[in-house]
C-alpha atoms as a PDB file:
ATOM      1  CA  MET A   1     -29.345 -23.240 -18.964  1.00  0.00           C
ATOM      2  CA  ALA A   2     -30.387 -21.009 -16.064  1.00  0.00           C
ATOM      3  CA  THR A   3     -29.759 -21.700 -12.569  1.00  0.00           C
ATOM      4  CA  GLY A   4     -32.709 -22.755 -10.455  1.00  0.00           C
ATOM      5  CA  LYS A   5     -34.228 -21.113  -7.665  1.00  0.00           C
ATOM      6  CA  LYS A   6     -32.277 -23.247  -5.059  1.00  0.00           C
ATOM      7  CA  PRO A   7     -28.932 -23.208  -6.395  1.00  0.00           C
ATOM      8  CA  ALA A   8     -29.299 -19.342  -6.778  1.00  0.00           C
ATOM      9  CA  HIS A   9     -30.140 -18.960  -3.165  1.00  0.00           C
ATOM     10  CA  ASP A  10     -27.262 -21.036  -2.323  1.00  0.00           C
ATOM     11  CA  ALA A  11     -25.018 -18.963  -4.236  1.00  0.00           C
ATOM     12  CA  ALA A  12     -26.563 -16.077  -2.548  1.00  0.00           C
ATOM     13  CA  LYS A  13     -25.597 -17.350   0.820  1.00  0.00           C
ATOM     14  CA  LEU A  14     -22.004 -18.151  -0.198  1.00  0.00           C
ATOM     15  CA  LEU A  15     -21.678 -14.538  -1.351  1.00  0.00           C
ATOM     16  CA  ALA A  16     -23.016 -13.226   1.837  1.00  0.00           C
ATOM     17  CA  ASP A  17     -20.317 -14.826   4.106  1.00  0.00           C
ATOM     18  CA  LYS A  18     -17.334 -13.538   4.738  1.00  0.00           C
ATOM     19  CA  LYS A  19     -15.437 -16.555   5.536  1.00  0.00           C
ATOM     20  CA  THR A  20     -16.122 -18.058   1.712  1.00  0.00           C
ATOM     21  CA  PRO A  21     -12.915 -18.031  -0.250  1.00  0.00           C
ATOM     22  CA  ALA A  22     -12.496 -15.564  -3.210  1.00  0.00           C
ATOM     23  CA  LYS A  23     -12.669 -18.065  -5.861  1.00  0.00           C
ATOM     24  CA  VAL A  24     -15.834 -19.806  -4.580  1.00  0.00           C
ATOM     25  CA  LYS A  25     -17.408 -16.552  -4.527  1.00  0.00           C
ATOM     26  CA  GLU A  26     -16.190 -15.824  -8.142  1.00  0.00           C
ATOM     27  CA  ILE A  27     -18.056 -18.981  -9.208  1.00  0.00           C
ATOM     28  CA  ALA A  28     -21.213 -18.399  -7.008  1.00  0.00           C
ATOM     29  CA  ALA A  29     -21.690 -14.598  -8.522  1.00  0.00           C
ATOM     30  CA  SER A  30     -21.575 -16.388 -11.871  1.00  0.00           C
ATOM     31  CA  ASP A  31     -24.143 -18.922 -11.066  1.00  0.00           C
ATOM     32  CA  LEU A  32     -26.227 -16.317  -9.540  1.00  0.00           C
ATOM     33  CA  ALA A  33     -25.637 -14.044 -12.511  1.00  0.00           C
ATOM     34  CA  GLN A  34     -27.285 -16.688 -14.684  1.00  0.00           C
ATOM     35  CA  ALA A  35     -30.117 -17.232 -12.383  1.00  0.00           C
ATOM     36  CA  LYS A  36     -33.865 -17.230 -13.643  1.00  0.00           C
ATOM     37  CA  LYS A  37     -35.114 -13.685 -13.213  1.00  0.00           C
ATOM     38  CA  LYS A  38     -38.902 -13.157 -11.867  1.00  0.00           C
ATOM     39  CA  LYS A  39     -41.101 -11.741 -14.777  1.00  0.00           C
ATOM     40  CA  THR A  40     -42.804  -8.461 -13.545  1.00  0.00           C
ATOM     41  CA  PRO A  41     -46.180  -7.835 -14.963  1.00  0.00           C
ATOM     42  CA  PRO A  42     -46.253  -5.102 -17.411  1.00  0.00           C
ATOM     43  CA  LYS A  43     -47.522  -1.569 -16.286  1.00  0.00           C
ATOM     44  CA  LYS A  44     -50.742  -0.227 -17.162  1.00  0.00           C
END
């Protein structure tokens, strides 16, 4: 199951914060990697 927009946003905030412990960043990075990607329209 892919991570939704809000949890992905929260994970990105955790990764950007220098005070976040390494283990939490590891989990946040995993969560962010599973986030739903925006579909870009095909080029013409």
